[in-house]
C-alpha atoms as a PDB file:
ATOM      1  CA  MET A   1      15.885   3.122  22.720  1.00  0.00           C
ATOM      2  CA  ASP A   2      13.856   6.227  23.576  1.00  0.00           C
ATOM      3  CA  GLU A   3      17.124   8.169  23.773  1.00  0.00           C
ATOM      4  CA  ILE A   4      18.024   6.858  20.310  1.00  0.00           C
ATOM      5  CA  PHE A   5      14.584   7.868  19.010  1.00  0.00           C
ATOM      6  CA  ALA A   6      15.159  11.336  20.466  1.00  0.00           C
ATOM      7  CA  ALA A   7      18.535  11.578  18.742  1.00  0.00           C
ATOM      8  CA  LEU A   8      17.078  10.426  15.423  1.00  0.00           C
ATOM      9  CA  SER A   9      14.187  12.882  15.772  1.00  0.00           C
ATOM     10  CA  GLU A  10      16.601  15.776  15.506  1.00  0.00           C
ATOM     11  CA  THR A  11      17.166  14.796  11.869  1.00  0.00           C
ATOM     12  CA  TYR A  12      14.199  12.594  10.952  1.00  0.00           C
ATOM     13  CA  ARG A  13      10.459  12.376  11.446  1.00  0.00           C
ATOM     14  CA  ILE A  14       9.728   8.870  12.745  1.00  0.00           C
ATOM     15  CA  TYR A  15       6.428   7.216  11.807  1.00  0.00           C
ATOM     16  CA  ALA A  16       5.067   3.928  13.125  1.00  0.00           C
ATOM     17  CA  PRO A  17       1.744   2.180  13.775  1.00  0.00           C
ATOM     18  CA  VAL A  18       0.003   3.855  16.734  1.00  0.00           C
ATOM     19  CA  LYS A  19      -3.400   3.588  18.383  1.00  0.00           C
ATOM     20  CA  ARG A  20      -5.935   6.160  17.199  1.00  0.00           C
ATOM     21  CA  GLY A  21      -9.194   5.369  18.941  1.00  0.00           C
ATOM     22  CA  LYS A  22     -10.135   1.831  17.918  1.00  0.00           C
ATOM     23  CA  PHE A  23      -7.852   1.859  14.881  1.00  0.00           C
ATOM     24  CA  ILE A  24      -4.129   1.306  14.452  1.00  0.00           C
ATOM     25  CA  ARG A  25      -2.838   3.858  11.985  1.00  0.00           C
ATOM     26  CA  TYR A  26       0.511   5.399  11.127  1.00  0.00           C
ATOM     27  CA  GLY A  27       1.526   8.498  13.059  1.00  0.00           C
ATOM     28  CA  GLU A  28       4.634  10.320  14.228  1.00  0.00           C
ATOM     29  CA  VAL A  29       6.252   8.786  17.325  1.00  0.00           C
ATOM     30  CA  LYS A  30       8.847   9.870  19.868  1.00  0.00           C
ATOM     31  CA  SER A  31       9.135   6.733  22.019  1.00  0.00           C
ATOM     32  CA  VAL A  32       9.050   2.943  21.802  1.00  0.00           C
ATOM     33  CA  GLU A  33       5.927   2.756  23.980  1.00  0.00           C
ATOM     34  CA  GLN A  34       3.890   4.663  21.403  1.00  0.00           C
ATOM     35  CA  VAL A  35       4.487   1.981  18.776  1.00  0.00           C
ATOM     36  CA  VAL A  36       2.038  -0.920  18.396  1.00  0.00           C
ATOM     37  CA  TRP A  37       4.369  -3.886  17.931  1.00  0.00           C
ATOM     38  CA  ASN A  38       2.160  -6.961  18.256  1.00  0.00           C
ATOM     39  CA  GLU A  39      -0.898  -6.088  16.172  1.00  0.00           C
ATOM     40  CA  LYS A  40      -1.326  -5.441  12.464  1.00  0.00           C
ATOM     41  CA  SER A  41      -2.124  -1.860  11.552  1.00  0.00           C
ATOM     42  CA  HIS A  42      -5.578  -1.316  10.056  1.00  0.00           C
ATOM     43  CA  PHE A  43      -4.163   1.255   7.621  1.00  0.00           C
ATOM     44  CA  SER A  44      -1.002   1.032   5.539  1.00  0.00           C
ATOM     45  CA  PRO A  45       1.983   3.397   5.847  1.00  0.00           C
ATOM     46  CA  LYS A  46       1.595   4.796   2.319  1.00  0.00           C
ATOM     47  CA  GLU A  47      -0.061   8.039   3.474  1.00  0.00           C
ATOM     48  CA  VAL A  48       3.253   9.053   5.101  1.00  0.00           C
ATOM     49  CA  PHE A  49       4.837   9.685   1.680  1.00  0.00           C
ATOM     50  CA  TYR A  50       1.756   9.578  -0.576  1.00  0.00           C
ATOM     51  CA  PRO A  51      -0.628  11.953   1.244  1.00  0.00           C
ATOM     52  CA  ILE A  52      -4.395  11.503   1.126  1.00  0.00           C
ATOM     53  CA  VAL A  53      -4.628  15.139  -0.015  1.00  0.00           C
ATOM     54  CA  GLN A  54      -1.553  16.626  -1.666  1.00  0.00           C
ATOM     55  CA  THR A  55      -1.282  20.150  -3.045  1.00  0.00           C
ATOM     56  CA  LEU A  56       0.700  19.996  -6.292  1.00  0.00           C
ATOM     57  CA  LEU A  57       0.793  23.659  -7.243  1.00  0.00           C
ATOM     58  CA  TYR A  58      -0.681  27.100  -6.546  1.00  0.00           C
ATOM     59  CA  PHE A  59      -1.955  29.346  -9.305  1.00  0.00           C
ATOM     60  CA  SER A  60      -3.201  32.844  -9.868  1.00  0.00           C
ATOM     61  CA  GLU A  61      -4.282  34.711 -12.984  1.00  0.00           C
ATOM     62  CA  ASN A  62      -0.685  35.376 -14.006  1.00  0.00           C
ATOM     63  CA  ASP A  63       1.470  32.898 -12.106  1.00  0.00           C
ATOM     64  CA  VAL A  64       1.947  29.224 -11.210  1.00  0.00           C
ATOM     65  CA  ARG A  65       4.046  28.145  -8.238  1.00  0.00           C
ATOM     66  CA  GLU A  66       4.888  24.548  -7.375  1.00  0.00           C
ATOM     67  CA  SER A  67       4.254  23.392  -3.806  1.00  0.00           C
ATOM     68  CA  GLU A  68       7.199  22.901  -1.484  1.00  0.00           C
ATOM     69  CA  VAL A  69       8.048  19.956   0.760  1.00  0.00           C
ATOM     70  CA  ASP A  70       9.555  19.750   4.218  1.00  0.00           C
ATOM     71  CA  ASP A  71      13.293  19.134   4.016  1.00  0.00           C
ATOM     72  CA  LYS A  72      13.248  16.781   7.016  1.00  0.00           C
ATOM     73  CA  PRO A  73      13.643  13.118   5.920  1.00  0.00           C
ATOM     74  CA  THR A  74      11.470  10.308   7.222  1.00  0.00           C
ATOM     75  CA  ILE A  75      11.905   6.981   8.996  1.00  0.00           C
ATOM     76  CA  ILE A  76       9.011   4.508   8.750  1.00  0.00           C
ATOM     77  CA  LEU A  77       8.720   1.441  10.996  1.00  0.00           C
ATOM     78  CA  LEU A  78       6.929  -1.201   8.940  1.00  0.00           C
ATOM     79  CA  ARG A  79       6.623  -4.887   8.121  1.00  0.00           C
ATOM     80  CA  PRO A  80       8.046  -6.830   5.132  1.00  0.00           C
ATOM     81  CA  CYS A  81       4.762  -6.954   3.189  1.00  0.00           C
ATOM     82  CA  ASP A  82       4.485  -3.161   3.347  1.00  0.00           C
ATOM     83  CA  ILE A  83       8.048  -2.677   2.117  1.00  0.00           C
ATOM     84  CA  ASN A  84       7.266  -4.955  -0.823  1.00  0.00           C
ATOM     85  CA  GLY A  85       4.011  -3.072  -1.338  1.00  0.00           C
ATOM     86  CA  ILE A  86       5.872   0.230  -1.525  1.00  0.00           C
ATOM     87  CA  HIS A  87       8.058  -1.282  -4.242  1.00  0.00           C
ATOM     88  CA  ARG A  88       4.833  -1.773  -6.237  1.00  0.00           C
ATOM     89  CA  LEU A  89       3.874   1.861  -5.725  1.00  0.00           C
ATOM     90  CA  ASP A  90       7.379   2.911  -6.795  1.00  0.00           C
ATOM     91  CA  THR A  91       6.921   1.040 -10.055  1.00  0.00           C
ATOM     92  CA  VAL A  92       3.548   2.650 -10.760  1.00  0.00           C
ATOM     93  CA  PHE A  93       4.650   6.200  -9.965  1.00  0.00           C
ATOM     94  CA  MET A  94       8.250   6.169 -11.185  1.00  0.00           C
ATOM     95  CA  GLU A  95       8.494   3.574 -13.980  1.00  0.00           C
ATOM     96  CA  ASN A  96       5.176   4.026 -15.747  1.00  0.00           C
ATOM     97  CA  GLY A  97       5.429   5.621 -19.174  1.00  0.00           C
ATOM     98  CA  GLY A  98       9.080   6.577 -18.925  1.00  0.00           C
ATOM     99  CA  HIS A  99       8.612   9.559 -16.598  1.00  0.00           C
ATOM    100  CA  ALA A 100       8.823   9.591 -12.809  1.00  0.00           C
ATOM    101  CA  ASP A 101       6.020  11.345 -10.943  1.00  0.00           C
ATOM    102  CA  ASN A 102       7.866  14.234  -9.327  1.00  0.00           C
ATOM    103  CA  TYR A 103       5.297  14.826  -6.578  1.00  0.00           C
ATOM    104  CA  TYR A 104       5.580  11.210  -5.440  1.00  0.00           C
ATOM    105  CA  GLN A 105       9.317  10.903  -5.976  1.00  0.00           C
ATOM    106  CA  ARG A 106      10.359  13.944  -3.952  1.00  0.00           C
ATOM    107  CA  LEU A 107       8.606  12.548  -0.860  1.00  0.00           C
ATOM    108  CA  ARG A 108       9.495   8.918  -1.452  1.00  0.00           C
ATOM    109  CA  GLU A 109      13.237   9.523  -1.825  1.00  0.00           C
ATOM    110  CA  LYS A 110      13.328  11.003   1.696  1.00  0.00           C
ATOM    111  CA  VAL A 111      12.156   7.724   3.285  1.00  0.00           C
ATOM    112  CA  LYS A 112      14.272   5.202   5.210  1.00  0.00           C
ATOM    113  CA  PHE A 113      12.805   1.832   6.251  1.00  0.00           C
ATOM    114  CA  PHE A 114      13.146   0.415   9.776  1.00  0.00           C
ATOM    115  CA  LEU A 115      11.911  -3.177   9.531  1.00  0.00           C
ATOM    116  CA  MET A 116       9.614  -4.414  12.294  1.00  0.00           C
ATOM    117  CA  GLU A 117      10.379  -8.097  12.707  1.00  0.00           C
ATOM    118  CA  CYS A 118       7.312 -10.135  11.744  1.00  0.00           C
ATOM    119  CA  PRO A 119       8.030 -13.804  12.552  1.00  0.00           C
ATOM    120  CA  GLU A 120       4.416 -14.948  13.010  1.00  0.00           C
ATOM    121  CA  SER A 121       1.395 -14.501  10.776  1.00  0.00           C
ATOM    122  CA  PHE A 122      -1.699 -12.538  11.740  1.00  0.00           C
ATOM    123  CA  GLU A 123      -5.164 -13.989  11.161  1.00  0.00           C
ATOM    124  CA  THR A 124      -5.920 -12.415   7.763  1.00  0.00           C
ATOM    125  CA  CYS A 125      -2.401 -12.416   6.267  1.00  0.00           C
ATOM    126  CA  PHE A 126      -1.539 -14.407   3.139  1.00  0.00           C
ATOM    127  CA  CYS A 127       1.826 -12.817   2.346  1.00  0.00           C
ATOM    128  CA  VAL A 128       3.621 -16.146   1.868  1.00  0.00           C
ATOM    129  CA  SER A 129       1.272 -17.101  -0.970  1.00  0.00           C
ATOM    130  CA  MET A 130       1.961 -13.724  -2.616  1.00  0.00           C
ATOM    131  CA  GLY A 131       5.751 -13.968  -2.116  1.00  0.00           C
ATOM    132  CA  SER A 132       5.968 -10.760  -0.089  1.00  0.00           C
ATOM    133  CA  ASN A 133       6.865 -12.172   3.328  1.00  0.00           C
ATOM    134  CA  VAL A 134      10.619 -11.503   3.033  1.00  0.00           C
ATOM    135  CA  THR A 135      12.668  -8.409   2.205  1.00  0.00           C
ATOM    136  CA  ASP A 136      16.255  -7.212   2.477  1.00  0.00           C
ATOM    137  CA  ASP A 137      15.398  -3.577   1.709  1.00  0.00           C
ATOM    138  CA  TYR A 138      15.754  -1.908   5.099  1.00  0.00           C
ATOM    139  CA  SER A 139      18.236   0.335   6.864  1.00  0.00           C
ATOM    140  CA  VAL A 140      17.629  -1.071  10.354  1.00  0.00           C
ATOM    141  CA  ALA A 141      15.732  -4.129  11.625  1.00  0.00           C
ATOM    142  CA  LEU A 142      14.123  -4.185  15.079  1.00  0.00           C
ATOM    143  CA  ARG A 143      12.938  -6.911  17.431  1.00  0.00           C
ATOM    144  CA  VAL A 144      11.160  -5.708  20.568  1.00  0.00           C
ATOM    145  CA  ASN A 145      10.272  -8.149  23.340  1.00  0.00           C
ATOM    146  CA  ASP A 146      10.477  -8.563  27.120  1.00  0.00           C
ATOM    147  CA  ASP A 147      14.249  -9.000  26.905  1.00  0.00           C
ATOM    148  CA  GLY A 148      14.760  -5.612  25.281  1.00  0.00           C
ATOM    149  CA  VAL A 149      15.309  -4.198  21.815  1.00  0.00           C
ATOM    150  CA  PHE A 150      17.501  -6.050  19.343  1.00  0.00           C
ATOM    151  CA  VAL A 151      18.786  -4.209  16.309  1.00  0.00           C
ATOM    152  CA  GLU A 152      20.475  -5.050  13.013  1.00  0.00           C
ATOM    153  CA  VAL A 153      22.026  -2.018  11.319  1.00  0.00           C
ATOM    154  CA  LYS A 154      22.551  -2.367   7.557  1.00  0.00           C
ATOM    155  CA  ASP A 155      22.770   1.322   6.645  1.00  0.00           C
ATOM    156  CA  GLU A 156      25.984   3.000   7.765  1.00  0.00           C
ATOM    157  CA  THR A 157      24.019   6.237   8.061  1.00  0.00           C
ATOM    158  CA  PHE A 158      22.687   4.922  11.379  1.00  0.00           C
ATOM    159  CA  ALA A 159      25.810   3.146  12.657  1.00  0.00           C
ATOM    160  CA  ALA A 160      26.864   6.024  14.921  1.00  0.00           C
ATOM    161  CA  VAL A 161      23.561   6.401  16.757  1.00  0.00           C
ATOM    162  CA  PHE A 162      23.611   2.702  17.693  1.00  0.00           C
ATOM    163  CA  GLY A 163      27.380   2.536  18.088  1.00  0.00           C
ATOM    164  CA  GLY A 164      27.475   2.687  21.883  1.00  0.00           C
ATOM    165  CA  GLU A 165      25.278  -0.393  22.381  1.00  0.00           C
ATOM    166  CA  ALA A 166      26.430  -3.918  23.124  1.00  0.00           C
ATOM    167  CA  ALA A 167      26.876  -6.192  20.121  1.00  0.00           C
ATOM    168  CA  CYS A 168      24.498  -9.132  19.682  1.00  0.00           C
ATOM    169  CA  ASP A 169      23.860 -11.879  17.149  1.00  0.00           C
ATOM    170  CA  PHE A 170      20.538 -10.833  15.632  1.00  0.00           C
ATOM    171  CA  THR A 171      19.004 -11.114  12.200  1.00  0.00           C
ATOM    172  CA  PRO A 172      15.245 -10.663  11.732  1.00  0.00           C
ATOM    173  CA  ALA A 173      12.979 -13.671  11.328  1.00  0.00           C
ATOM    174  CA  PHE A 174      10.280 -13.721   8.657  1.00  0.00           C
ATOM    175  CA  VAL A 175       6.909 -15.418   8.359  1.00  0.00           C
ATOM    176  CA  THR A 176       7.247 -18.824   6.698  1.00  0.00           C
ATOM    177  CA  GLU A 177       3.603 -19.949   6.872  1.00  0.00           C
ATOM    178  CA  ASN A 178       0.269 -18.131   7.067  1.00  0.00           C
ATOM    179  CA  LYS A 179      -2.942 -19.377   8.620  1.00  0.00           C
ATOM    180  CA  ARG A 180      -4.615 -18.267   5.410  1.00  0.00           C
ATOM    181  CA  LYS A 181      -3.318 -19.580   2.080  1.00  0.00           C
ATOM    182  CA  VAL A 182      -4.440 -18.725  -1.439  1.00  0.00           C
ATOM    183  CA  ASN A 183      -3.953 -20.194  -4.884  1.00  0.00           C
ATOM    184  CA  VAL A 184      -2.766 -17.433  -7.198  1.00  0.00           C
ATOM    185  CA  PRO A 185      -4.243 -17.720 -10.718  1.00  0.00           C
ATOM    186  CA  GLU A 186      -1.740 -18.464 -13.455  1.00  0.00           C
ATOM    187  CA  ILE A 187      -2.925 -16.508 -16.487  1.00  0.00           C
ATOM    188  CA  THR A 188      -0.350 -17.278 -19.155  1.00  0.00           C
ATOM    189  CA  ASP A 189      -2.448 -16.608 -22.249  1.00  0.00           C
ATOM    190  CA  ARG A 190      -3.707 -13.070 -22.823  1.00  0.00           C
ATOM    191  CA  ALA A 191      -6.463 -14.469 -25.028  1.00  0.00           C
ATOM    192  CA  MET A 192      -7.945 -15.946 -21.838  1.00  0.00           C
ATOM    193  CA  VAL A 193      -8.604 -12.477 -20.377  1.00  0.00           C
ATOM    194  CA  LYS A 194     -11.777 -11.983 -22.426  1.00  0.00           C
ATOM    195  CA  ASP A 195     -13.210 -15.230 -21.032  1.00  0.00           C
ATOM    196  CA  ILE A 196     -12.202 -14.195 -17.503  1.00  0.00           C
ATOM    197  CA  HIS A 197     -14.092 -10.919 -17.950  1.00  0.00           C
ATOM    198  CA  ALA A 198     -17.232 -12.911 -18.794  1.00  0.00           C
ATOM    199  CA  LEU A 199     -17.103 -15.172 -15.706  1.00  0.00           C
ATOM    200  CA  ASP A 200     -20.308 -15.427 -13.679  1.00  0.00           C
ATOM    201  CA  MET A 201     -18.333 -15.036 -10.416  1.00  0.00           C
ATOM    202  CA  TRP A 202     -18.133 -11.254 -10.886  1.00  0.00           C
ATOM    203  CA  ARG A 203     -21.911 -10.930 -10.749  1.00  0.00           C
ATOM    204  CA  GLU A 204     -21.879 -12.095  -7.108  1.00  0.00           C
ATOM    205  CA  PHE A 205     -20.454  -8.709  -6.150  1.00  0.00           C
ATOM    206  CA  ASP A 206     -23.222  -6.689  -7.811  1.00  0.00           C
ATOM    207  CA  ASP A 207     -25.437  -7.102  -4.732  1.00  0.00           C
ATOM    208  CA  ASN A 208     -22.790  -7.759  -2.064  1.00  0.00           C
ATOM    209  CA  CYS A 209     -20.366  -4.860  -2.636  1.00  0.00           C
ATOM    210  CA  ILE A 210     -21.637  -1.403  -1.643  1.00  0.00           C
ATOM    211  CA  GLY A 211     -18.825   0.441  -3.457  1.00  0.00           C
ATOM    212  CA  CYS A 212     -17.483   2.238  -0.371  1.00  0.00           C
ATOM    213  CA  GLY A 213     -13.838   2.040  -1.487  1.00  0.00           C
ATOM    214  CA  GLY A 214     -12.667   1.014   1.987  1.00  0.00           C
ATOM    215  CA  CYS A 215     -10.573  -1.811   0.546  1.00  0.00           C
ATOM    216  CA  ASN A 216      -8.623   0.622  -1.640  1.00  0.00           C
ATOM    217  CA  THR A 217      -8.103   3.073   1.211  1.00  0.00           C
ATOM    218  CA  VAL A 218      -6.271   0.562   3.414  1.00  0.00           C
ATOM    219  CA  CYS A 219      -4.385  -1.195   0.594  1.00  0.00           C
ATOM    220  CA  ILE A 220      -0.647  -0.522   0.456  1.00  0.00           C
ATOM    221  CA  THR A 221      -0.537  -0.906  -3.351  1.00  0.00           C
ATOM    222  CA  CYS A 222      -3.627   1.060  -4.458  1.00  0.00           C
ATOM    223  CA  SER A 223      -2.563   4.265  -6.208  1.00  0.00           C
ATOM    224  CA  CYS A 224      -5.699   5.746  -7.819  1.00  0.00           C
ATOM    225  CA  PHE A 225      -6.317   9.481  -7.384  1.00  0.00           C
ATOM    226  CA  ASP A 226      -8.424  12.369  -8.638  1.00  0.00           C
ATOM    227  CA  THR A 227      -6.967  15.752  -9.571  1.00  0.00           C
ATOM    228  CA  THR A 228      -9.019  18.753  -8.478  1.00  0.00           C
ATOM    229  CA  ASP A 229      -8.601  22.506  -8.923  1.00  0.00           C
ATOM    230  CA  ILE A 230      -9.723  24.490  -5.887  1.00  0.00           C
ATOM    231  CA  ILE A 231     -10.683  28.124  -6.474  1.00  0.00           C
ATOM    232  CA  TYR A 232     -10.412  30.113  -3.236  1.00  0.00           C
ATOM    233  CA  ASN A 233     -13.499  32.240  -3.922  1.00  0.00           C
ATOM    234  CA  GLU A 234     -15.897  32.713  -6.799  1.00  0.00           C
ATOM    235  CA  THR A 235     -14.627  36.166  -7.739  1.00  0.00           C
ATOM    236  CA  SER A 236     -10.980  35.095  -7.848  1.00  0.00           C
ATOM    237  CA  ARG A 237      -8.747  33.116 -10.178  1.00  0.00           C
ATOM    238  CA  ASP A 238      -6.421  32.203  -7.324  1.00  0.00           C
ATOM    239  CA  GLY A 239      -6.367  28.610  -6.181  1.00  0.00           C
ATOM    240  CA  GLU A 240      -4.490  25.337  -5.978  1.00  0.00           C
ATOM    241  CA  ARG A 241      -4.381  21.987  -7.705  1.00  0.00           C
ATOM    242  CA  ARG A 242      -4.719  18.994  -5.419  1.00  0.00           C
ATOM    243  CA  ARG A 243      -4.221  15.286  -5.833  1.00  0.00           C
ATOM    244  CA  VAL A 244      -6.722  13.345  -3.705  1.00  0.00           C
ATOM    245  CA  TRP A 245      -6.922   9.602  -3.129  1.00  0.00           C
ATOM    246  CA  SER A 246      -9.712   7.893  -4.987  1.00  0.00           C
ATOM    247  CA  SER A 247     -10.915   4.332  -5.517  1.00  0.00           C
ATOM    248  CA  CYS A 248     -11.625   2.147  -8.533  1.00  0.00           C
ATOM    249  CA  MET A 249     -14.446   0.614  -6.471  1.00  0.00           C
ATOM    250  CA  LEU A 250     -16.419   3.874  -6.291  1.00  0.00           C
ATOM    251  CA  ASN A 251     -19.400   4.005  -8.644  1.00  0.00           C
ATOM    252  CA  ASP A 252     -18.407   7.277 -10.335  1.00  0.00           C
ATOM    253  CA  TYR A 253     -14.667   6.607 -10.686  1.00  0.00           C
ATOM    254  CA  SER A 254     -15.063   5.031 -14.133  1.00  0.00           C
ATOM    255  CA  THR A 255     -17.548   7.616 -15.445  1.00  0.00           C
ATOM    256  CA  VAL A 256     -16.184   9.286 -18.575  1.00  0.00           C
ATOM    257  CA  ALA A 257     -17.016  12.491 -20.440  1.00  0.00           C
ATOM    258  CA  GLY A 258     -20.637  12.421 -21.545  1.00  0.00           C
ATOM    259  CA  GLY A 259     -21.742  10.537 -18.441  1.00  0.00           C
ATOM    260  CA  HIS A 260     -21.157   6.955 -19.589  1.00  0.00           C
ATOM    261  CA  ASN A 261     -19.891   4.630 -16.846  1.00  0.00           C
ATOM    262  CA  VAL A 262     -17.618   1.965 -18.332  1.00  0.00           C
ATOM    263  CA  ARG A 263     -17.848  -0.154 -15.154  1.00  0.00           C
ATOM    264  CA  ALA A 264     -21.334   0.573 -13.902  1.00  0.00           C
ATOM    265  CA  LYS A 265     -21.760  -2.569 -11.773  1.00  0.00           C
ATOM    266  CA  ALA A 266     -19.872  -3.464  -8.600  1.00  0.00           C
ATOM    267  CA  GLY A 267     -18.873  -6.810 -10.110  1.00  0.00           C
ATOM    268  CA  ASP A 268     -17.242  -5.043 -13.052  1.00  0.00           C
ATOM    269  CA  ARG A 269     -15.251  -2.894 -10.662  1.00  0.00           C
ATOM    270  CA  MET A 270     -14.202  -5.897  -8.572  1.00  0.00           C
ATOM    271  CA  ARG A 271     -13.085  -7.656 -11.747  1.00  0.00           C
ATOM    272  CA  PHE A 272     -11.036  -4.612 -12.711  1.00  0.00           C
ATOM    273  CA  LYS A 273      -9.369  -4.464  -9.284  1.00  0.00           C
ATOM    274  CA  ALA A 274      -8.707  -8.195  -9.068  1.00  0.00           C
ATOM    275  CA  MET A 275      -7.206  -8.384 -12.559  1.00  0.00           C
ATOM    276  CA  HIS A 276      -5.031  -5.350 -11.871  1.00  0.00           C
ATOM    277  CA  LYS A 277      -3.687  -6.943  -8.685  1.00  0.00           C
ATOM    278  CA  LEU A 278      -3.266 -10.439 -10.092  1.00  0.00           C
ATOM    279  CA  TYR A 279      -2.525 -10.027 -13.801  1.00  0.00           C
ATOM    280  CA  ASP A 280      -2.285  -6.561 -15.369  1.00  0.00           C
ATOM    281  CA  TYR A 281       0.533  -5.212 -13.149  1.00  0.00           C
ATOM    282  CA  ASN A 282       2.763  -8.195 -13.868  1.00  0.00           C
ATOM    283  CA  ALA A 283       1.829  -8.239 -17.556  1.00  0.00           C
ATOM    284  CA  ARG A 284       2.899  -4.600 -17.852  1.00  0.00           C
ATOM    285  CA  PHE A 285       5.985  -4.532 -15.631  1.00  0.00           C
ATOM    286  CA  GLY A 286       7.020  -8.174 -15.179  1.00  0.00           C
ATOM    287  CA  LYS A 287       7.392  -7.786 -11.415  1.00  0.00           C
ATOM    288  CA  GLY A 288       5.006 -10.326  -9.937  1.00  0.00           C
ATOM    289  CA  ASN A 289       1.628  -9.750  -8.348  1.00  0.00           C
ATOM    290  CA  MET A 290       0.585  -6.332  -7.160  1.00  0.00           C
ATOM    291  CA  CYS A 291      -1.298  -7.702  -4.133  1.00  0.00           C
ATOM    292  CA  VAL A 292       1.111  -8.431  -1.257  1.00  0.00           C
ATOM    293  CA  GLY A 293      -1.325 -10.385   0.922  1.00  0.00           C
ATOM    294  CA  CYS A 294      -1.449  -7.979   3.872  1.00  0.00           C
ATOM    295  CA  GLY A 295      -5.133  -8.837   4.347  1.00  0.00           C
ATOM    296  CA  ARG A 296      -6.165  -5.327   5.380  1.00  0.00           C
ATOM    297  CA  CYS A 297      -8.947  -5.222   2.782  1.00  0.00           C
ATOM    298  CA  ASP A 298     -10.444  -8.376   4.304  1.00  0.00           C
ATOM    299  CA  MET A 299     -10.406  -6.673   7.717  1.00  0.00           C
ATOM    300  CA  ARG A 300     -11.890  -3.427   6.420  1.00  0.00           C
ATOM    301  CA  CYS A 301     -14.805  -4.557   4.236  1.00  0.00           C
ATOM    302  CA  PRO A 302     -18.154  -3.834   5.961  1.00  0.00           C
ATOM    303  CA  LYS A 303     -19.788  -6.586   3.887  1.00  0.00           C
ATOM    304  CA  ASP A 304     -17.202  -9.254   4.801  1.00  0.00           C
ATOM    305  CA  ILE A 305     -16.005  -9.656   1.226  1.00  0.00           C
ATOM    306  CA  HIS A 306     -12.633 -11.407   1.436  1.00  0.00           C
ATOM    307  CA  PHE A 307     -10.248 -10.664  -1.405  1.00  0.00           C
ATOM    308  CA  SER A 308      -8.316 -13.808  -0.474  1.00  0.00           C
ATOM    309  CA  GLU A 309     -11.417 -15.858  -1.313  1.00  0.00           C
ATOM    310  CA  THR A 310     -11.802 -13.962  -4.587  1.00  0.00           C
ATOM    311  CA  ILE A 311      -8.240 -14.936  -5.508  1.00  0.00           C
ATOM    312  CA  ASP A 312      -9.023 -18.609  -4.868  1.00  0.00           C
ATOM    313  CA  LYS A 313     -12.251 -18.443  -6.891  1.00  0.00           C
ATOM    314  CA  LEU A 314     -10.467 -16.807  -9.798  1.00  0.00           C
ATOM    315  CA  ALA A 315      -7.659 -19.381  -9.683  1.00  0.00           C
ATOM    316  CA  ALA A 316     -10.200 -22.214  -9.838  1.00  0.00           C
ATOM    317  CA  ALA A 317     -12.067 -20.530 -12.706  1.00  0.00           C
ATOM    318  CA  VAL A 318      -8.825 -20.043 -14.655  1.00  0.00           C
ATOM    319  CA  GLU A 319      -8.000 -23.730 -14.306  1.00  0.00           C
ATOM    320  CA  ASN A 320     -11.467 -24.621 -15.597  1.00  0.00           C
ATOM    321  CA  LEU A 321     -10.983 -22.336 -18.588  1.00  0.00           C
ATOM    322  CA  LYS A 322      -7.678 -24.050 -19.348  1.00  0.00           C
ATOM    323  CA  LYS A 323      -9.534 -27.359 -19.409  1.00  0.00           C
ATOM    324  CA  GLY A 324     -12.084 -25.931 -21.810  1.00  0.00           C
ATOM    325  CA  GLU A 325     -14.821 -25.795 -19.182  1.00  0.00           C
ATOM    326  CA  ASN A 326     -17.160 -22.824 -18.819  1.00  0.00           C
END
């Protein structure tokens, strides 16, 4: 398999979950041994094609020049929930408002998925509840165990590189049950949203959440960013425009011109995030829930706030509202 990786590396950059200190994060790999197969990555693979800091264009007093991208395409080794999560990002960046985001699209269209078989749930996963435990969108599927590497090739692009290997009967297995299960709220009446916004449950986060944005950073479906112009020095008009990841959970993210903060409390920001993941995305695009149940936000929160528990609380509150109870 290392020889196959070497052959693929001549054409592609290969990214997979790797150990970086105490964290598992996506990085470029050259061999099977570098890949962490049996643990969930702490960070999602989205930064491979949606960089944390991305230069969009360069400007001077008299000229504007768009940034260029590396022509080398990309292979990402990832799990089913992350593939489904990337579909959510695709919708936000390429189907929102009738115009595709060129800076996202030109990196995203270079990506091929190699599915890492994920037959058993990790501790904080709830992908089955969110319907993101299965996918057929991959070029190659991989199972790695003590008996070797088993491969299913769906994309003829990669048939030749695996062509010399012995045939086997392999199709990837998928998680069918998680240790953690959630009840997803069924919000069928838009008139209910105003009552949901007024729920007392959001006030619990005012003191608990510190607004660090860690949950957004590790989430595969979070897409918020700031746009910043960088001037190279104070006597020059030369510089660049950058897109930088941001977070709806940060205190100043919702501050508007004039200094007013439309979501000044942590509970208001948690409500905004939860409704976006569990209602607004589907209401706008009709493509299910935005949250894919990877559970990374539960792992990352320094205050042990579990989004899975928030989903259950909201589902219970919605049912009470349907019954006419406050």
